[in-house]
């Protein structure tokens, strides 16, 4: 947000507590699916491993999207 010719203002927004609770749950689920994928591959259960790897990929993409989207101000704010 430019204020003048050489001055910029940086706004830092604090994330709400519910966001951190959901982020913690997301990390736990991510680890669970990752462990399931690795264990299934070691036990030659390739279908289960593929499903788990897909779940890891989808959850990672969703988590990254939410992480970057959450910090942006909305139109009404």
PDB file of N, CA and C in Angstrom:
ATOM      1  N   UNK A   1       0.841  -1.175   0.000  1.00  0.00           N
ATOM      2  CA  UNK A   1       0.000   0.000   0.000  1.00  0.00           C
ATOM      3  C   UNK A   1       0.888   1.240   0.000  1.00  0.00           C
ATOM      4  N   UNK A   2       1.028   1.884  -1.116  1.00  0.00           N
ATOM      5  CA  UNK A   2       1.899   3.054  -1.174  1.00  0.00           C
ATOM      6  C   UNK A   2       1.297   4.257  -0.451  1.00  0.00           C
ATOM      7  N   UNK A   3       2.101   4.897   0.386  1.00  0.00           N
ATOM      8  CA  UNK A   3       1.683   6.110   1.094  1.00  0.00           C
ATOM      9  C   UNK A   3       2.253   7.359   0.438  1.00  0.00           C
ATOM     10  N   UNK A   4       3.432   7.240  -0.037  1.00  0.00           N
ATOM     11  CA  UNK A   4       4.093   8.373  -0.663  1.00  0.00           C
ATOM     12  C   UNK A   4       5.054   7.857  -1.713  1.00  0.00           C
ATOM     13  N   UNK A   5       5.998   8.701  -2.077  1.00  0.00           N
ATOM     14  CA  UNK A   5       6.938   8.311  -3.114  1.00  0.00           C
ATOM     15  C   UNK A   5       7.848   7.165  -2.661  1.00  0.00           C
ATOM     16  N   UNK A   6       8.355   7.244  -1.423  1.00  0.00           N
ATOM     17  CA  UNK A   6       9.296   6.234  -0.950  1.00  0.00           C
ATOM     18  C   UNK A   6       8.799   5.498   0.296  1.00  0.00           C
ATOM     19  N   UNK A   7       7.538   5.609   0.626  1.00  0.00           N
ATOM     20  CA  UNK A   7       7.020   5.016   1.859  1.00  0.00           C
ATOM     21  C   UNK A   7       5.987   3.952   1.531  1.00  0.00           C
ATOM     22  N   UNK A   8       6.121   2.783   2.177  1.00  0.00           N
ATOM     23  CA  UNK A   8       5.157   1.700   2.029  1.00  0.00           C
ATOM     24  C   UNK A   8       4.704   1.268   3.415  1.00  0.00           C
ATOM     25  N   UNK A   9       3.438   0.933   3.539  1.00  0.00           N
ATOM     26  CA  UNK A   9       2.893   0.425   4.786  1.00  0.00           C
ATOM     27  C   UNK A   9       2.601  -1.053   4.619  1.00  0.00           C
ATOM     28  N   UNK A  10       3.071  -1.864   5.569  1.00  0.00           N
ATOM     29  CA  UNK A  10       2.823  -3.301   5.545  1.00  0.00           C
ATOM     30  C   UNK A  10       1.827  -3.614   6.654  1.00  0.00           C
ATOM     31  N   UNK A  11       0.726  -4.244   6.302  1.00  0.00           N
ATOM     32  CA  UNK A  11      -0.294  -4.614   7.272  1.00  0.00           C
ATOM     33  C   UNK A  11      -0.132  -6.085   7.624  1.00  0.00           C
ATOM     34  N   UNK A  12       0.007  -6.383   8.909  1.00  0.00           N
ATOM     35  CA  UNK A  12       0.142  -7.750   9.379  1.00  0.00           C
ATOM     36  C   UNK A  12      -1.156  -8.135  10.068  1.00  0.00           C
ATOM     37  N   UNK A  13      -1.767  -9.203   9.620  1.00  0.00           N
ATOM     38  CA  UNK A  13      -3.029  -9.657  10.191  1.00  0.00           C
ATOM     39  C   UNK A  13      -2.788 -10.928  10.991  1.00  0.00           C
ATOM     40  N   UNK A  14      -3.370 -10.978  12.161  1.00  0.00           N
ATOM     41  CA  UNK A  14      -3.270 -12.160  13.010  1.00  0.00           C
ATOM     42  C   UNK A  14      -4.347 -13.152  12.595  1.00  0.00           C
ATOM     43  N   UNK A  15      -3.964 -14.415  12.478  1.00  0.00           N
ATOM     44  CA  UNK A  15      -4.936 -15.443  12.118  1.00  0.00           C
ATOM     45  C   UNK A  15      -5.747 -15.822  13.351  1.00  0.00           C
ATOM     46  N   UNK A  16      -7.033 -16.108  13.176  1.00  0.00           N
ATOM     47  CA  UNK A  16      -7.875 -16.470  14.326  1.00  0.00           C
ATOM     48  C   UNK A  16      -7.504 -17.845  14.876  1.00  0.00           C
ATOM     49  N   UNK A  17      -7.932 -18.087  16.118  1.00  0.00           N
ATOM     50  CA  UNK A  17      -7.589 -19.349  16.780  1.00  0.00           C
ATOM     51  C   UNK A  17      -8.181 -20.564  16.060  1.00  0.00           C
ATOM     52  N   UNK A  18      -9.389 -20.442  15.525  1.00  0.00           N
ATOM     53  CA  UNK A  18     -10.005 -21.576  14.846  1.00  0.00           C
ATOM     54  C   UNK A  18      -9.183 -21.992  13.632  1.00  0.00           C
ATOM     55  N   UNK A  19      -8.502 -21.035  13.010  1.00  0.00           N
ATOM     56  CA  UNK A  19      -7.652 -21.372  11.870  1.00  0.00           C
ATOM     57  C   UNK A  19      -6.508 -22.267  12.306  1.00  0.00           C
ATOM     58  N   UNK A  20      -5.903 -21.974  13.472  1.00  0.00           N
ATOM     59  CA  UNK A  20      -4.783 -22.770  13.965  1.00  0.00           C
ATOM     60  C   UNK A  20      -5.244 -24.156  14.403  1.00  0.00           C
ATOM     61  N   UNK A  21      -6.474 -24.250  14.933  1.00  0.00           N
ATOM     62  CA  UNK A  21      -7.020 -25.560  15.303  1.00  0.00           C
ATOM     63  C   UNK A  21      -7.200 -26.413  14.039  1.00  0.00           C
ATOM     64  N   UNK A  22      -7.769 -25.823  13.007  1.00  0.00           N
ATOM     65  CA  UNK A  22      -7.943 -26.552  11.745  1.00  0.00           C
ATOM     66  C   UNK A  22      -6.600 -26.889  11.100  1.00  0.00           C
ATOM     67  N   UNK A  23      -5.621 -25.999  11.230  1.00  0.00           N
ATOM     68  CA  UNK A  23      -4.294 -26.280  10.677  1.00  0.00           C
ATOM     69  C   UNK A  23      -3.648 -27.461  11.398  1.00  0.00           C
ATOM     70  N   UNK A  24      -3.826 -27.543  12.711  1.00  0.00           N
ATOM     71  CA  UNK A  24      -3.296 -28.676  13.466  1.00  0.00           C
ATOM     72  C   UNK A  24      -3.957 -29.981  13.058  1.00  0.00           C
ATOM     73  N   UNK A  25      -5.276 -29.949  12.876  1.00  0.00           N
ATOM     74  CA  UNK A  25      -6.000 -31.130  12.418  1.00  0.00           C
ATOM     75  C   UNK A  25      -5.536 -31.532  11.024  1.00  0.00           C
ATOM     76  N   UNK A  26      -5.312 -30.557  10.180  1.00  0.00           N
ATOM     77  CA  UNK A  26      -4.826 -30.819   8.820  1.00  0.00           C
ATOM     78  C   UNK A  26      -3.468 -31.508   8.847  1.00  0.00           C
ATOM     79  N   UNK A  27      -2.575 -31.041   9.703  1.00  0.00           N
ATOM     80  CA  UNK A  27      -1.242 -31.650   9.798  1.00  0.00           C
ATOM     81  C   UNK A  27      -1.355 -33.099  10.266  1.00  0.00           C
ATOM     82  N   UNK A  28      -2.198 -33.348  11.271  1.00  0.00           N
ATOM     83  CA  UNK A  28      -2.375 -34.719  11.754  1.00  0.00           C
ATOM     84  C   UNK A  28      -2.910 -35.645  10.654  1.00  0.00           C
ATOM     85  N   UNK A  29      -3.898 -35.188   9.917  1.00  0.00           N
ATOM     86  CA  UNK A  29      -4.436 -35.999   8.824  1.00  0.00           C
ATOM     87  C   UNK A  29      -3.412 -36.206   7.712  1.00  0.00           C
ATOM     88  N   UNK A  30      -2.625 -35.186   7.449  1.00  0.00           N
ATOM     89  CA  UNK A  30      -1.588 -35.292   6.423  1.00  0.00           C
ATOM     90  C   UNK A  30      -0.569 -36.364   6.805  1.00  0.00           C
ATOM     91  N   UNK A  31      -0.151 -36.361   8.066  1.00  0.00           N
ATOM     92  CA  UNK A  31       0.811 -37.363   8.549  1.00  0.00           C
ATOM     93  C   UNK A  31       0.182 -38.756   8.507  1.00  0.00           C
ATOM     94  N   UNK A  32      -1.081 -38.866   8.903  1.00  0.00           N
ATOM     95  CA  UNK A  32      -1.770 -40.159   8.884  1.00  0.00           C
ATOM     96  C   UNK A  32      -1.816 -40.736   7.471  1.00  0.00           C
ATOM     97  N   UNK A  33      -2.216 -39.945   6.493  1.00  0.00           N
ATOM     98  CA  UNK A  33      -2.288 -40.432   5.120  1.00  0.00           C
ATOM     99  C   UNK A  33      -0.899 -40.745   4.558  1.00  0.00           C
ATOM    100  N   UNK A  34       0.095 -39.962   4.944  1.00  0.00           N
ATOM    101  CA  UNK A  34       1.452 -40.223   4.481  1.00  0.00           C
ATOM    102  C   UNK A  34       1.970 -41.545   5.038  1.00  0.00           C
ATOM    103  N   UNK A  35       1.746 -41.791   6.316  1.00  0.00           N
ATOM    104  CA  UNK A  35       2.142 -43.062   6.912  1.00  0.00           C
ATOM    105  C   UNK A  35       1.401 -44.235   6.275  1.00  0.00           C
ATOM    106  N   UNK A  36       0.132 -44.050   6.010  1.00  0.00           N
ATOM    107  CA  UNK A  36      -0.654 -45.105   5.370  1.00  0.00           C
ATOM    108  C   UNK A  36      -0.132 -45.411   3.976  1.00  0.00           C
ATOM    109  N   UNK A  37       0.216 -44.373   3.238  1.00  0.00           N
ATOM    110  CA  UNK A  37       0.740 -44.567   1.885  1.00  0.00           C
ATOM    111  C   UNK A  37       2.063 -45.315   1.914  1.00  0.00           C
ATOM    112  N   UNK A  38       2.956 -44.919   2.810  1.00  0.00           N
ATOM    113  CA  UNK A  38       4.261 -45.583   2.881  1.00  0.00           C
ATOM    114  C   UNK A  38       4.138 -47.032   3.359  1.00  0.00           C
ATOM    115  N   UNK A  39       3.299 -47.264   4.380  1.00  0.00           N
ATOM    116  CA  UNK A  39       3.116 -48.616   4.894  1.00  0.00           C
ATOM    117  C   UNK A  39       2.447 -49.520   3.853  1.00  0.00           C
ATOM    118  N   UNK A  40       1.483 -48.991   3.138  1.00  0.00           N
ATOM    119  CA  UNK A  40       0.796 -49.789   2.116  1.00  0.00           C
ATOM    120  C   UNK A  40       1.747 -50.157   0.984  1.00  0.00           C
ATOM    121  N   UNK A  41       2.617 -49.250   0.617  1.00  0.00           N
ATOM    122  CA  UNK A  41       3.593 -49.546  -0.438  1.00  0.00           C
ATOM    123  C   UNK A  41       4.573 -50.620   0.023  1.00  0.00           C
ATOM    124  N   UNK A  42       4.995 -50.575   1.297  1.00  0.00           N
ATOM    125  CA  UNK A  42       5.912 -51.590   1.831  1.00  0.00           C
ATOM    126  C   UNK A  42       5.264 -52.969   1.888  1.00  0.00           C
ATOM    127  N   UNK A  43       3.946 -53.006   2.090  1.00  0.00           N
ATOM    128  CA  UNK A  43       3.239 -54.279   2.184  1.00  0.00           C
ATOM    129  C   UNK A  43       2.682 -54.730   0.832  1.00  0.00           C
ATOM    130  N   UNK A  44       3.092 -54.090  -0.230  1.00  0.00           N
ATOM    131  CA  UNK A  44       2.665 -54.410  -1.595  1.00  0.00           C
ATOM    132  C   UNK A  44       1.159 -54.264  -1.794  1.00  0.00           C
ATOM    133  N   UNK A  45       0.548 -53.350  -1.083  1.00  0.00           N
ATOM    134  CA  UNK A  45      -0.863 -53.009  -1.283  1.00  0.00           C
ATOM    135  C   UNK A  45      -0.906 -51.727  -2.120  1.00  0.00           C
ATOM    136  N   UNK A  46      -0.755 -51.896  -3.413  1.00  0.00           N
ATOM    137  CA  UNK A  46      -0.552 -50.742  -4.275  1.00  0.00           C
ATOM    138  C   UNK A  46      -1.814 -49.911  -4.475  1.00  0.00           C
ATOM    139  N   UNK A  47      -2.978 -50.523  -4.414  1.00  0.00           N
ATOM    140  CA  UNK A  47      -4.214 -49.740  -4.544  1.00  0.00           C
ATOM    141  C   UNK A  47      -4.390 -48.812  -3.347  1.00  0.00           C
ATOM    142  N   UNK A  48      -4.186 -49.368  -2.159  1.00  0.00           N
ATOM    143  CA  UNK A  48      -4.306 -48.544  -0.950  1.00  0.00           C
ATOM    144  C   UNK A  48      -3.248 -47.445  -0.935  1.00  0.00           C
ATOM    145  N   UNK A  49      -2.048 -47.782  -1.388  1.00  0.00           N
ATOM    146  CA  UNK A  49      -0.980 -46.781  -1.444  1.00  0.00           C
ATOM    147  C   UNK A  49      -1.334 -45.667  -2.424  1.00  0.00           C
ATOM    148  N   UNK A  50      -1.888 -46.029  -3.577  1.00  0.00           N
ATOM    149  CA  UNK A  50      -2.252 -45.015  -4.575  1.00  0.00           C
ATOM    150  C   UNK A  50      -3.347 -44.096  -4.039  1.00  0.00           C
ATOM    151  N   UNK A  51      -4.342 -44.688  -3.387  1.00  0.00           N
ATOM    152  CA  UNK A  51      -5.422 -43.873  -2.825  1.00  0.00           C
ATOM    153  C   UNK A  51      -4.871 -42.931  -1.757  1.00  0.00           C
ATOM    154  N   UNK A  52      -3.972 -43.442  -0.935  1.00  0.00           N
ATOM    155  CA  UNK A  52      -3.387 -42.601   0.118  1.00  0.00           C
ATOM    156  C   UNK A  52      -2.509 -41.500  -0.466  1.00  0.00           C
ATOM    157  N   UNK A  53      -1.753 -41.809  -1.507  1.00  0.00           N
ATOM    158  CA  UNK A  53      -0.923 -40.776  -2.132  1.00  0.00           C
ATOM    159  C   UNK A  53      -1.792 -39.694  -2.768  1.00  0.00           C
ATOM    160  N   UNK A  54      -2.911 -40.099  -3.350  1.00  0.00           N
ATOM    161  CA  UNK A  54      -3.831 -39.109  -3.920  1.00  0.00           C
ATOM    162  C   UNK A  54      -4.415 -38.238  -2.819  1.00  0.00           C
ATOM    163  N   UNK A  55      -4.774 -38.856  -1.686  1.00  0.00           N
ATOM    164  CA  UNK A  55      -5.303 -38.081  -0.553  1.00  0.00           C
ATOM    165  C   UNK A  55      -4.251 -37.108  -0.032  1.00  0.00           C
ATOM    166  N   UNK A  56      -2.993 -37.541   0.039  1.00  0.00           N
ATOM    167  CA  UNK A  56      -1.903 -36.643   0.477  1.00  0.00           C
ATOM    168  C   UNK A  56      -1.773 -35.470  -0.485  1.00  0.00           C
ATOM    169  N   UNK A  57      -1.808 -35.741  -1.778  1.00  0.00           N
ATOM    170  CA  UNK A  57      -1.659 -34.673  -2.776  1.00  0.00           C
ATOM    171  C   UNK A  57      -2.810 -33.675  -2.716  1.00  0.00           C
ATOM    172  N   UNK A  58      -4.032 -34.178  -2.595  1.00  0.00           N
ATOM    173  CA  UNK A  58      -5.201 -33.291  -2.546  1.00  0.00           C
ATOM    174  C   UNK A  58      -5.176 -32.451  -1.273  1.00  0.00           C
ATOM    175  N   UNK A  59      -4.849 -33.086  -0.148  1.00  0.00           N
ATOM    176  CA  UNK A  59      -4.803 -32.339   1.112  1.00  0.00           C
ATOM    177  C   UNK A  59      -3.672 -31.309   1.113  1.00  0.00           C
ATOM    178  N   UNK A  60      -2.542 -31.645   0.519  1.00  0.00           N
ATOM    179  CA  UNK A  60      -1.437 -30.688   0.432  1.00  0.00           C
ATOM    180  C   UNK A  60      -1.835 -29.484  -0.421  1.00  0.00           C
ATOM    181  N   UNK A  61      -2.422 -29.748  -1.571  1.00  0.00           N
ATOM    182  CA  UNK A  61      -2.854 -28.647  -2.446  1.00  0.00           C
ATOM    183  C   UNK A  61      -3.906 -27.786  -1.757  1.00  0.00           C
ATOM    184  N   UNK A  62      -4.862 -28.422  -1.102  1.00  0.00           N
ATOM    185  CA  UNK A  62      -5.892 -27.668  -0.386  1.00  0.00           C
ATOM    186  C   UNK A  62      -5.318 -26.856   0.760  1.00  0.00           C
ATOM    187  N   UNK A  63      -4.387 -27.440   1.495  1.00  0.00           N
ATOM    188  CA  UNK A  63      -3.765 -26.724   2.613  1.00  0.00           C
ATOM    189  C   UNK A  63      -2.967 -25.515   2.158  1.00  0.00           C
ATOM    190  N   UNK A  64      -2.221 -25.674   1.086  1.00  0.00           N
ATOM    191  CA  UNK A  64      -1.443 -24.552   0.554  1.00  0.00           C
ATOM    192  C   UNK A  64      -2.378 -23.453   0.058  1.00  0.00           C
ATOM    193  N   UNK A  65      -3.435 -23.845  -0.620  1.00  0.00           N
ATOM    194  CA  UNK A  65      -4.406 -22.863  -1.122  1.00  0.00           C
ATOM    195  C   UNK A  65      -5.046 -22.092   0.031  1.00  0.00           C
ATOM    196  N   UNK A  66      -5.489 -22.791   1.062  1.00  0.00           N
ATOM    197  CA  UNK A  66      -6.128 -22.131   2.208  1.00  0.00           C
ATOM    198  C   UNK A  66      -5.135 -21.257   2.952  1.00  0.00           C
ATOM    199  N   UNK A  67      -3.900 -21.729   3.093  1.00  0.00           N
ATOM    200  CA  UNK A  67      -2.889 -20.958   3.821  1.00  0.00           C
ATOM    201  C   UNK A  67      -2.651 -19.608   3.154  1.00  0.00           C
ATOM    202  N   UNK A  68      -2.510 -19.594   1.838  1.00  0.00           N
ATOM    203  CA  UNK A  68      -2.260 -18.335   1.144  1.00  0.00           C
ATOM    204  C   UNK A  68      -3.524 -17.505   0.973  1.00  0.00           C
ATOM    205  N   UNK A  69      -4.669 -18.130   0.870  1.00  0.00           N
ATOM    206  CA  UNK A  69      -5.920 -17.397   0.694  1.00  0.00           C
ATOM    207  C   UNK A  69      -6.368 -16.724   1.984  1.00  0.00           C
ATOM    208  N   UNK A  70      -6.109 -17.328   3.125  1.00  0.00           N
ATOM    209  CA  UNK A  70      -6.574 -16.825   4.402  1.00  0.00           C
ATOM    210  C   UNK A  70      -6.004 -15.453   4.726  1.00  0.00           C
ATOM    211  N   UNK A  71      -4.799 -15.153   4.307  1.00  0.00           N
ATOM    212  CA  UNK A  71      -4.157 -13.904   4.683  1.00  0.00           C
ATOM    213  C   UNK A  71      -4.606 -12.681   3.908  1.00  0.00           C
ATOM    214  N   UNK A  72      -5.328 -12.865   2.842  1.00  0.00           N
ATOM    215  CA  UNK A  72      -5.732 -11.729   2.013  1.00  0.00           C
ATOM    216  C   UNK A  72      -6.966 -11.046   2.589  1.00  0.00           C
ATOM    217  N   UNK A  73      -6.998  -9.738   2.562  1.00  0.00           N
ATOM    218  CA  UNK A  73      -8.195  -9.030   3.042  1.00  0.00           C
ATOM    219  C   UNK A  73      -9.360  -9.223   2.077  1.00  0.00           C
ATOM    220  N   UNK A  74     -10.534  -9.256   2.622  1.00  0.00           N
ATOM    221  CA  UNK A  74     -11.741  -9.396   1.795  1.00  0.00           C
ATOM    222  C   UNK A  74     -12.218  -8.023   1.355  1.00  0.00           C
ATOM    223  N   UNK A  75     -13.129  -7.994   0.403  1.00  0.00           N
ATOM    224  CA  UNK A  75     -13.597  -6.727  -0.178  1.00  0.00           C
ATOM    225  C   UNK A  75     -14.296  -5.847   0.866  1.00  0.00           C
ATOM    226  N   UNK A  76     -15.018  -6.448   1.814  1.00  0.00           N
ATOM    227  CA  UNK A  76     -15.760  -5.676   2.797  1.00  0.00           C
ATOM    228  C   UNK A  76     -14.927  -5.171   3.970  1.00  0.00           C
ATOM    229  N   UNK A  77     -13.682  -5.608   4.063  1.00  0.00           N
ATOM    230  CA  UNK A  77     -12.849  -5.210   5.221  1.00  0.00           C
ATOM    231  C   UNK A  77     -11.985  -4.019   4.912  1.00  0.00           C
TER     232      UNK A  77
END
